[in-house]
Amino acid sequence: MYPGLPSRLERELKQLYLERVLKGDVEKLSKFKIRIEDPPRRKHMVFLGGAVLADIMKDKDNFWMTRQEYQEKGVRVLEKLGVTVR
């Protein structure tokens, strides 16, 4: 994330919540808590999530496709995963 972006997002979300949900009632705004997480290793989070998912699903054959399946069926192999392909 860019420097200062988390605090800007928090500020702008609070303002939008005040205007659109609370209709300008500032007293209720103190109960609205929001925090944008800015973890130091955030650029690796997608990879880490994918690695965890792959580890969890490693024994489920219907979750995976082989290269040969893809070469034979193309994108239609995704139907095995429940994805509708036109």
PDB file of N, CA and C in Angstrom:
ATOM      1  N   MET A   1       0.845  -1.175   0.000  1.00  0.00           N
ATOM      2  CA  MET A   1       0.000   0.000   0.000  1.00  0.00           C
ATOM      3  C   MET A   1       0.892   1.241   0.000  1.00  0.00           C
ATOM      4  N   TYR A   2       0.376   2.289  -0.548  1.00  0.00           N
ATOM      5  CA  TYR A   2       1.131   3.537  -0.586  1.00  0.00           C
ATOM      6  C   TYR A   2       1.164   4.182   0.795  1.00  0.00           C
ATOM      7  N   PRO A   3       2.241   4.912   1.107  1.00  0.00           N
ATOM      8  CA  PRO A   3       2.313   5.592   2.398  1.00  0.00           C
ATOM      9  C   PRO A   3       1.135   6.555   2.573  1.00  0.00           C
ATOM     10  N   GLY A   4       0.492   6.491   3.723  1.00  0.00           N
ATOM     11  CA  GLY A   4      -0.623   7.380   4.016  1.00  0.00           C
ATOM     12  C   GLY A   4      -1.970   6.888   3.519  1.00  0.00           C
ATOM     13  N   LEU A   5      -1.981   5.855   2.671  1.00  0.00           N
ATOM     14  CA  LEU A   5      -3.245   5.364   2.121  1.00  0.00           C
ATOM     15  C   LEU A   5      -4.167   4.763   3.183  1.00  0.00           C
ATOM     16  N   PRO A   6      -3.667   3.958   4.123  1.00  0.00           N
ATOM     17  CA  PRO A   6      -4.573   3.409   5.136  1.00  0.00           C
ATOM     18  C   PRO A   6      -5.316   4.485   5.931  1.00  0.00           C
ATOM     19  N   SER A   7      -4.611   5.508   6.365  1.00  0.00           N
ATOM     20  CA  SER A   7      -5.278   6.562   7.144  1.00  0.00           C
ATOM     21  C   SER A   7      -6.255   7.346   6.271  1.00  0.00           C
ATOM     22  N   ARG A   8      -5.908   7.541   5.007  1.00  0.00           N
ATOM     23  CA  ARG A   8      -6.829   8.238   4.101  1.00  0.00           C
ATOM     24  C   ARG A   8      -8.102   7.423   3.886  1.00  0.00           C
ATOM     25  N   LEU A   9      -7.959   6.110   3.675  1.00  0.00           N
ATOM     26  CA  LEU A   9      -9.124   5.248   3.498  1.00  0.00           C
ATOM     27  C   LEU A   9     -10.019   5.271   4.735  1.00  0.00           C
ATOM     28  N   GLU A  10      -9.406   5.183   5.918  1.00  0.00           N
ATOM     29  CA  GLU A  10     -10.183   5.237   7.163  1.00  0.00           C
ATOM     30  C   GLU A  10     -10.968   6.541   7.253  1.00  0.00           C
ATOM     31  N   ARG A  11     -10.296   7.643   6.984  1.00  0.00           N
ATOM     32  CA  ARG A  11     -10.927   8.958   7.069  1.00  0.00           C
ATOM     33  C   ARG A  11     -12.087   9.087   6.073  1.00  0.00           C
ATOM     34  N   GLU A  12     -11.851   8.668   4.830  1.00  0.00           N
ATOM     35  CA  GLU A  12     -12.884   8.799   3.805  1.00  0.00           C
ATOM     36  C   GLU A  12     -14.058   7.847   4.040  1.00  0.00           C
ATOM     37  N   LEU A  13     -13.784   6.641   4.526  1.00  0.00           N
ATOM     38  CA  LEU A  13     -14.870   5.711   4.834  1.00  0.00           C
ATOM     39  C   LEU A  13     -15.733   6.227   5.982  1.00  0.00           C
ATOM     40  N   LYS A  14     -15.087   6.807   6.992  1.00  0.00           N
ATOM     41  CA  LYS A  14     -15.852   7.392   8.100  1.00  0.00           C
ATOM     42  C   LYS A  14     -16.739   8.522   7.602  1.00  0.00           C
ATOM     43  N   GLN A  15     -16.206   9.342   6.721  1.00  0.00           N
ATOM     44  CA  GLN A  15     -16.980  10.459   6.182  1.00  0.00           C
ATOM     45  C   GLN A  15     -18.177   9.951   5.373  1.00  0.00           C
ATOM     46  N   LEU A  16     -17.950   8.960   4.535  1.00  0.00           N
ATOM     47  CA  LEU A  16     -19.047   8.382   3.754  1.00  0.00           C
ATOM     48  C   LEU A  16     -20.099   7.748   4.661  1.00  0.00           C
ATOM     49  N   TYR A  17     -19.664   7.052   5.697  1.00  0.00           N
ATOM     50  CA  TYR A  17     -20.586   6.420   6.645  1.00  0.00           C
ATOM     51  C   TYR A  17     -21.419   7.481   7.351  1.00  0.00           C
ATOM     52  N   LEU A  18     -20.766   8.567   7.743  1.00  0.00           N
ATOM     53  CA  LEU A  18     -21.463   9.669   8.403  1.00  0.00           C
ATOM     54  C   LEU A  18     -22.525  10.263   7.485  1.00  0.00           C
ATOM     55  N   GLU A  19     -22.167  10.488   6.240  1.00  0.00           N
ATOM     56  CA  GLU A  19     -23.094  11.121   5.298  1.00  0.00           C
ATOM     57  C   GLU A  19     -24.219  10.189   4.848  1.00  0.00           C
ATOM     58  N   ARG A  20     -23.875   8.960   4.487  1.00  0.00           N
ATOM     59  CA  ARG A  20     -24.855   8.080   3.844  1.00  0.00           C
ATOM     60  C   ARG A  20     -25.637   7.184   4.797  1.00  0.00           C
ATOM     61  N   VAL A  21     -25.028   6.777   5.881  1.00  0.00           N
ATOM     62  CA  VAL A  21     -25.703   5.863   6.799  1.00  0.00           C
ATOM     63  C   VAL A  21     -26.263   6.604   8.000  1.00  0.00           C
ATOM     64  N   LEU A  22     -25.425   7.421   8.606  1.00  0.00           N
ATOM     65  CA  LEU A  22     -25.850   8.135   9.816  1.00  0.00           C
ATOM     66  C   LEU A  22     -26.594   9.426   9.516  1.00  0.00           C
ATOM     67  N   LYS A  23     -26.629   9.816   8.261  1.00  0.00           N
ATOM     68  CA  LYS A  23     -27.328  11.044   7.833  1.00  0.00           C
ATOM     69  C   LYS A  23     -26.867  12.269   8.627  1.00  0.00           C
ATOM     70  N   GLY A  24     -25.553  12.330   8.893  1.00  0.00           N
ATOM     71  CA  GLY A  24     -24.980  13.498   9.542  1.00  0.00           C
ATOM     72  C   GLY A  24     -25.000  13.481  11.059  1.00  0.00           C
ATOM     73  N   ASP A  25     -25.457  12.413  11.691  1.00  0.00           N
ATOM     74  CA  ASP A  25     -25.523  12.330  13.156  1.00  0.00           C
ATOM     75  C   ASP A  25     -24.132  12.015  13.717  1.00  0.00           C
ATOM     76  N   VAL A  26     -23.388  13.060  14.074  1.00  0.00           N
ATOM     77  CA  VAL A  26     -22.000  12.936  14.514  1.00  0.00           C
ATOM     78  C   VAL A  26     -21.881  12.138  15.813  1.00  0.00           C
ATOM     79  N   GLU A  27     -22.884  12.196  16.675  1.00  0.00           N
ATOM     80  CA  GLU A  27     -22.819  11.491  17.961  1.00  0.00           C
ATOM     81  C   GLU A  27     -22.691   9.977  17.771  1.00  0.00           C
ATOM     82  N   LYS A  28     -23.346   9.438  16.774  1.00  0.00           N
ATOM     83  CA  LYS A  28     -23.292   7.997  16.527  1.00  0.00           C
ATOM     84  C   LYS A  28     -21.979   7.575  15.867  1.00  0.00           C
ATOM     85  N   LEU A  29     -21.259   8.528  15.317  1.00  0.00           N
ATOM     86  CA  LEU A  29     -20.013   8.208  14.619  1.00  0.00           C
ATOM     87  C   LEU A  29     -18.960   7.639  15.567  1.00  0.00           C
ATOM     88  N   SER A  30     -19.003   8.002  16.840  1.00  0.00           N
ATOM     89  CA  SER A  30     -18.003   7.509  17.792  1.00  0.00           C
ATOM     90  C   SER A  30     -18.095   5.991  17.979  1.00  0.00           C
ATOM     91  N   LYS A  31     -19.254   5.403  17.685  1.00  0.00           N
ATOM     92  CA  LYS A  31     -19.425   3.950  17.811  1.00  0.00           C
ATOM     93  C   LYS A  31     -18.904   3.202  16.581  1.00  0.00           C
ATOM     94  N   PHE A  32     -18.680   3.930  15.500  1.00  0.00           N
ATOM     95  CA  PHE A  32     -18.216   3.318  14.252  1.00  0.00           C
ATOM     96  C   PHE A  32     -16.696   3.196  14.285  1.00  0.00           C
ATOM     97  N   LYS A  33     -16.209   1.959  14.352  1.00  0.00           N
ATOM     98  CA  LYS A  33     -14.766   1.717  14.402  1.00  0.00           C
ATOM     99  C   LYS A  33     -14.333   1.045  13.107  1.00  0.00           C
ATOM    100  N   ILE A  34     -13.297   1.576  12.522  1.00  0.00           N
ATOM    101  CA  ILE A  34     -12.745   0.971  11.306  1.00  0.00           C
ATOM    102  C   ILE A  34     -11.236   1.083  11.379  1.00  0.00           C
ATOM    103  N   ARG A  35     -10.571   0.029  10.906  1.00  0.00           N
ATOM    104  CA  ARG A  35      -9.117   0.041  10.887  1.00  0.00           C
ATOM    105  C   ARG A  35      -8.656  -0.658   9.619  1.00  0.00           C
ATOM    106  N   ILE A  36      -7.912   0.028   8.810  1.00  0.00           N
ATOM    107  CA  ILE A  36      -7.346  -0.547   7.593  1.00  0.00           C
ATOM    108  C   ILE A  36      -6.005  -1.170   7.966  1.00  0.00           C
ATOM    109  N   GLU A  37      -5.888  -2.468   7.768  1.00  0.00           N
ATOM    110  CA  GLU A  37      -4.643  -3.167   8.086  1.00  0.00           C
ATOM    111  C   GLU A  37      -3.596  -2.871   7.016  1.00  0.00           C
ATOM    112  N   ASP A  38      -2.390  -2.691   7.444  1.00  0.00           N
ATOM    113  CA  ASP A  38      -1.276  -2.395   6.549  1.00  0.00           C
ATOM    114  C   ASP A  38      -0.083  -3.266   6.956  1.00  0.00           C
ATOM    115  N   PRO A  39      -0.205  -4.598   6.793  1.00  0.00           N
ATOM    116  CA  PRO A  39       0.863  -5.483   7.254  1.00  0.00           C
ATOM    117  C   PRO A  39       2.146  -5.297   6.450  1.00  0.00           C
ATOM    118  N   PRO A  40       3.282  -5.449   7.090  1.00  0.00           N
ATOM    119  CA  PRO A  40       4.556  -5.229   6.403  1.00  0.00           C
ATOM    120  C   PRO A  40       4.820  -6.216   5.261  1.00  0.00           C
ATOM    121  N   ARG A  41       4.283  -7.439   5.344  1.00  0.00           N
ATOM    122  CA  ARG A  41       4.524  -8.435   4.289  1.00  0.00           C
ATOM    123  C   ARG A  41       3.337  -8.533   3.343  1.00  0.00           C
ATOM    124  N   ARG A  42       2.608  -7.444   3.156  1.00  0.00           N
ATOM    125  CA  ARG A  42       1.365  -7.479   2.383  1.00  0.00           C
ATOM    126  C   ARG A  42       1.564  -7.887   0.922  1.00  0.00           C
ATOM    127  N   LYS A  43       2.725  -7.603   0.350  1.00  0.00           N
ATOM    128  CA  LYS A  43       2.902  -7.963  -1.056  1.00  0.00           C
ATOM    129  C   LYS A  43       3.003  -9.472  -1.252  1.00  0.00           C
ATOM    130  N   HIS A  44       3.208 -10.211  -0.174  1.00  0.00           N
ATOM    131  CA  HIS A  44       3.296 -11.668  -0.261  1.00  0.00           C
ATOM    132  C   HIS A  44       2.005 -12.360   0.168  1.00  0.00           C
ATOM    133  N   MET A  45       0.999 -11.604   0.599  1.00  0.00           N
ATOM    134  CA  MET A  45      -0.222 -12.188   1.151  1.00  0.00           C
ATOM    135  C   MET A  45      -0.970 -13.062   0.144  1.00  0.00           C
ATOM    136  N   VAL A  46      -1.027 -12.665  -1.115  1.00  0.00           N
ATOM    137  CA  VAL A  46      -1.735 -13.462  -2.119  1.00  0.00           C
ATOM    138  C   VAL A  46      -1.036 -14.804  -2.298  1.00  0.00           C
ATOM    139  N   PHE A  47       0.284 -14.786  -2.376  1.00  0.00           N
ATOM    140  CA  PHE A  47       1.027 -16.039  -2.511  1.00  0.00           C
ATOM    141  C   PHE A  47       0.821 -16.921  -1.289  1.00  0.00           C
ATOM    142  N   LEU A  48       0.893 -16.333  -0.096  1.00  0.00           N
ATOM    143  CA  LEU A  48       0.714 -17.114   1.129  1.00  0.00           C
ATOM    144  C   LEU A  48      -0.677 -17.740   1.189  1.00  0.00           C
ATOM    145  N   GLY A  49      -1.691 -16.979   0.799  1.00  0.00           N
ATOM    146  CA  GLY A  49      -3.054 -17.512   0.776  1.00  0.00           C
ATOM    147  C   GLY A  49      -3.186 -18.662  -0.203  1.00  0.00           C
ATOM    148  N   GLY A  50      -2.585 -18.512  -1.377  1.00  0.00           N
ATOM    149  CA  GLY A  50      -2.612 -19.580  -2.372  1.00  0.00           C
ATOM    150  C   GLY A  50      -1.872 -20.821  -1.889  1.00  0.00           C
ATOM    151  N   ALA A  51      -0.769 -20.615  -1.191  1.00  0.00           N
ATOM    152  CA  ALA A  51      -0.006 -21.745  -0.663  1.00  0.00           C
ATOM    153  C   ALA A  51      -0.804 -22.495   0.397  1.00  0.00           C
ATOM    154  N   VAL A  52      -1.499 -21.769   1.249  1.00  0.00           N
ATOM    155  CA  VAL A  52      -2.333 -22.403   2.277  1.00  0.00           C
ATOM    156  C   VAL A  52      -3.466 -23.185   1.622  1.00  0.00           C
ATOM    157  N   LEU A  53      -4.137 -22.576   0.643  1.00  0.00           N
ATOM    158  CA  LEU A  53      -5.227 -23.253  -0.059  1.00  0.00           C
ATOM    159  C   LEU A  53      -4.724 -24.522  -0.748  1.00  0.00           C
ATOM    160  N   ALA A  54      -3.582 -24.444  -1.410  1.00  0.00           N
ATOM    161  CA  ALA A  54      -3.021 -25.617  -2.090  1.00  0.00           C
ATOM    162  C   ALA A  54      -2.704 -26.723  -1.094  1.00  0.00           C
ATOM    163  N   ASP A  55      -2.189 -26.353   0.069  1.00  0.00           N
ATOM    164  CA  ASP A  55      -1.872 -27.358   1.078  1.00  0.00           C
ATOM    165  C   ASP A  55      -3.135 -28.032   1.614  1.00  0.00           C
ATOM    166  N   ILE A  56      -4.176 -27.250   1.824  1.00  0.00           N
ATOM    167  CA  ILE A  56      -5.435 -27.800   2.335  1.00  0.00           C
ATOM    168  C   ILE A  56      -6.072 -28.740   1.318  1.00  0.00           C
ATOM    169  N   MET A  57      -5.982 -28.394   0.039  1.00  0.00           N
ATOM    170  CA  MET A  57      -6.671 -29.146  -1.013  1.00  0.00           C
ATOM    171  C   MET A  57      -5.787 -30.193  -1.701  1.00  0.00           C
ATOM    172  N   LYS A  58      -4.595 -30.436  -1.186  1.00  0.00           N
ATOM    173  CA  LYS A  58      -3.653 -31.318  -1.891  1.00  0.00           C
ATOM    174  C   LYS A  58      -4.166 -32.744  -2.089  1.00  0.00           C
ATOM    175  N   ASP A  59      -5.042 -33.227  -1.222  1.00  0.00           N
ATOM    176  CA  ASP A  59      -5.538 -34.602  -1.336  1.00  0.00           C
ATOM    177  C   ASP A  59      -6.882 -34.707  -2.051  1.00  0.00           C
ATOM    178  N   LYS A  60      -7.407 -33.607  -2.532  1.00  0.00           N
ATOM    179  CA  LYS A  60      -8.710 -33.606  -3.206  1.00  0.00           C
ATOM    180  C   LYS A  60      -8.488 -33.564  -4.722  1.00  0.00           C
ATOM    181  N   ASP A  61      -8.570 -34.724  -5.334  1.00  0.00           N
ATOM    182  CA  ASP A  61      -8.284 -34.836  -6.771  1.00  0.00           C
ATOM    183  C   ASP A  61      -9.228 -34.016  -7.639  1.00  0.00           C
ATOM    184  N   ASN A  62     -10.472 -33.843  -7.194  1.00  0.00           N
ATOM    185  CA  ASN A  62     -11.422 -33.085  -8.018  1.00  0.00           C
ATOM    186  C   ASN A  62     -11.133 -31.584  -7.997  1.00  0.00           C
ATOM    187  N   PHE A  63     -10.206 -31.136  -7.164  1.00  0.00           N
ATOM    188  CA  PHE A  63      -9.836 -29.726  -7.088  1.00  0.00           C
ATOM    189  C   PHE A  63      -8.750 -29.376  -8.108  1.00  0.00           C
ATOM    190  N   TRP A  64      -8.044 -30.364  -8.583  1.00  0.00           N
ATOM    191  CA  TRP A  64      -6.892 -30.146  -9.451  1.00  0.00           C
ATOM    192  C   TRP A  64      -7.161 -30.629 -10.866  1.00  0.00           C
ATOM    193  N   MET A  65      -6.429 -30.075 -11.802  1.00  0.00           N
ATOM    194  CA  MET A  65      -6.472 -30.558 -13.179  1.00  0.00           C
ATOM    195  C   MET A  65      -5.038 -30.817 -13.620  1.00  0.00           C
ATOM    196  N   THR A  66      -4.880 -31.800 -14.454  1.00  0.00           N
ATOM    197  CA  THR A  66      -3.540 -32.105 -14.956  1.00  0.00           C
ATOM    198  C   THR A  66      -3.294 -31.331 -16.246  1.00  0.00           C
ATOM    199  N   ARG A  67      -2.058 -31.276 -16.613  1.00  0.00           N
ATOM    200  CA  ARG A  67      -1.698 -30.610 -17.868  1.00  0.00           C
ATOM    201  C   ARG A  67      -2.336 -31.346 -19.045  1.00  0.00           C
ATOM    202  N   GLN A  68      -2.331 -32.661 -18.958  1.00  0.00           N
ATOM    203  CA  GLN A  68      -2.917 -33.475 -20.029  1.00  0.00           C
ATOM    204  C   GLN A  68      -4.416 -33.197 -20.155  1.00  0.00           C
ATOM    205  N   GLU A  69      -5.126 -33.099 -19.013  1.00  0.00           N
ATOM    206  CA  GLU A  69      -6.559 -32.781 -19.054  1.00  0.00           C
ATOM    207  C   GLU A  69      -6.789 -31.436 -19.737  1.00  0.00           C
ATOM    208  N   TYR A  70      -5.956 -30.453 -19.385  1.00  0.00           N
ATOM    209  CA  TYR A  70      -6.110 -29.124 -19.972  1.00  0.00           C
ATOM    210  C   TYR A  70      -5.834 -29.155 -21.473  1.00  0.00           C
ATOM    211  N   GLN A  71      -4.803 -29.890 -21.874  1.00  0.00           N
ATOM    212  CA  GLN A  71      -4.476 -29.971 -23.296  1.00  0.00           C
ATOM    213  C   GLN A  71      -5.572 -30.685 -24.086  1.00  0.00           C
ATOM    214  N   GLU A  72      -6.219 -31.669 -23.469  1.00  0.00           N
ATOM    215  CA  GLU A  72      -7.282 -32.407 -24.155  1.00  0.00           C
ATOM    216  C   GLU A  72      -8.587 -31.623 -24.226  1.00  0.00           C
ATOM    217  N   LYS A  73      -8.968 -30.977 -23.126  1.00  0.00           N
ATOM    218  CA  LYS A  73     -10.280 -30.338 -23.034  1.00  0.00           C
ATOM    219  C   LYS A  73     -10.243 -28.819 -23.102  1.00  0.00           C
ATOM    220  N   GLY A  74      -9.079 -28.235 -22.902  1.00  0.00           N
ATOM    221  CA  GLY A  74      -8.987 -26.770 -22.881  1.00  0.00           C
ATOM    222  C   GLY A  74      -9.708 -26.210 -21.663  1.00  0.00           C
ATOM    223  N   VAL A  75     -10.315 -25.046 -21.813  1.00  0.00           N
ATOM    224  CA  VAL A  75     -10.971 -24.405 -20.668  1.00  0.00           C
ATOM    225  C   VAL A  75     -12.190 -25.182 -20.178  1.00  0.00           C
ATOM    226  N   ARG A  76     -12.691 -26.105 -20.977  1.00  0.00           N
ATOM    227  CA  ARG A  76     -13.847 -26.914 -20.558  1.00  0.00           C
ATOM    228  C   ARG A  76     -13.506 -27.803 -19.358  1.00  0.00           C
ATOM    229  N   VAL A  77     -12.213 -27.995 -19.091  1.00  0.00           N
ATOM    230  CA  VAL A  77     -11.805 -28.781 -17.929  1.00  0.00           C
ATOM    231  C   VAL A  77     -12.245 -28.092 -16.629  1.00  0.00           C
ATOM    232  N   LEU A  78     -12.501 -26.789 -16.692  1.00  0.00           N
ATOM    233  CA  LEU A  78     -12.952 -26.050 -15.511  1.00  0.00           C
ATOM    234  C   LEU A  78     -14.342 -26.478 -15.054  1.00  0.00           C
ATOM    235  N   GLU A  79     -15.101 -27.117 -15.937  1.00  0.00           N
ATOM    236  CA  GLU A  79     -16.427 -27.615 -15.552  1.00  0.00           C
ATOM    237  C   GLU A  79     -16.311 -28.641 -14.430  1.00  0.00           C
ATOM    238  N   LYS A  80     -15.191 -29.333 -14.376  1.00  0.00           N
ATOM    239  CA  LYS A  80     -14.919 -30.289 -13.304  1.00  0.00           C
ATOM    240  C   LYS A  80     -14.907 -29.587 -11.943  1.00  0.00           C
ATOM    241  N   LEU A  81     -14.531 -28.324 -11.944  1.00  0.00           N
ATOM    242  CA  LEU A  81     -14.465 -27.542 -10.712  1.00  0.00           C
ATOM    243  C   LEU A  81     -15.759 -26.797 -10.423  1.00  0.00           C
ATOM    244  N   GLY A  82     -16.750 -26.985 -11.283  1.00  0.00           N
ATOM    245  CA  GLY A  82     -18.034 -26.324 -11.062  1.00  0.00           C
ATOM    246  C   GLY A  82     -18.169 -24.991 -11.763  1.00  0.00           C
ATOM    247  N   VAL A  83     -17.226 -24.668 -12.636  1.00  0.00           N
ATOM    248  CA  VAL A  83     -17.265 -23.403 -13.372  1.00  0.00           C
ATOM    249  C   VAL A  83     -17.989 -23.632 -14.694  1.00  0.00           C
ATOM    250  N   THR A  84     -18.969 -22.795 -14.990  1.00  0.00           N
ATOM    251  CA  THR A  84     -19.691 -22.911 -16.252  1.00  0.00           C
ATOM    252  C   THR A  84     -18.893 -22.236 -17.356  1.00  0.00           C
ATOM    253  N   VAL A  85     -18.607 -22.994 -18.407  1.00  0.00           N
ATOM    254  CA  VAL A  85     -17.834 -22.476 -19.538  1.00  0.00           C
ATOM    255  C   VAL A  85     -18.740 -22.470 -20.757  1.00  0.00           C
ATOM    256  N   ARG A  86     -18.760 -21.357 -21.450  1.00  0.00           N
ATOM    257  CA  ARG A  86     -19.603 -21.248 -22.657  1.00  0.00           C
ATOM    258  C   ARG A  86     -18.849 -21.622 -23.888  1.00  0.00           C
TER     259      ARG A  86
END
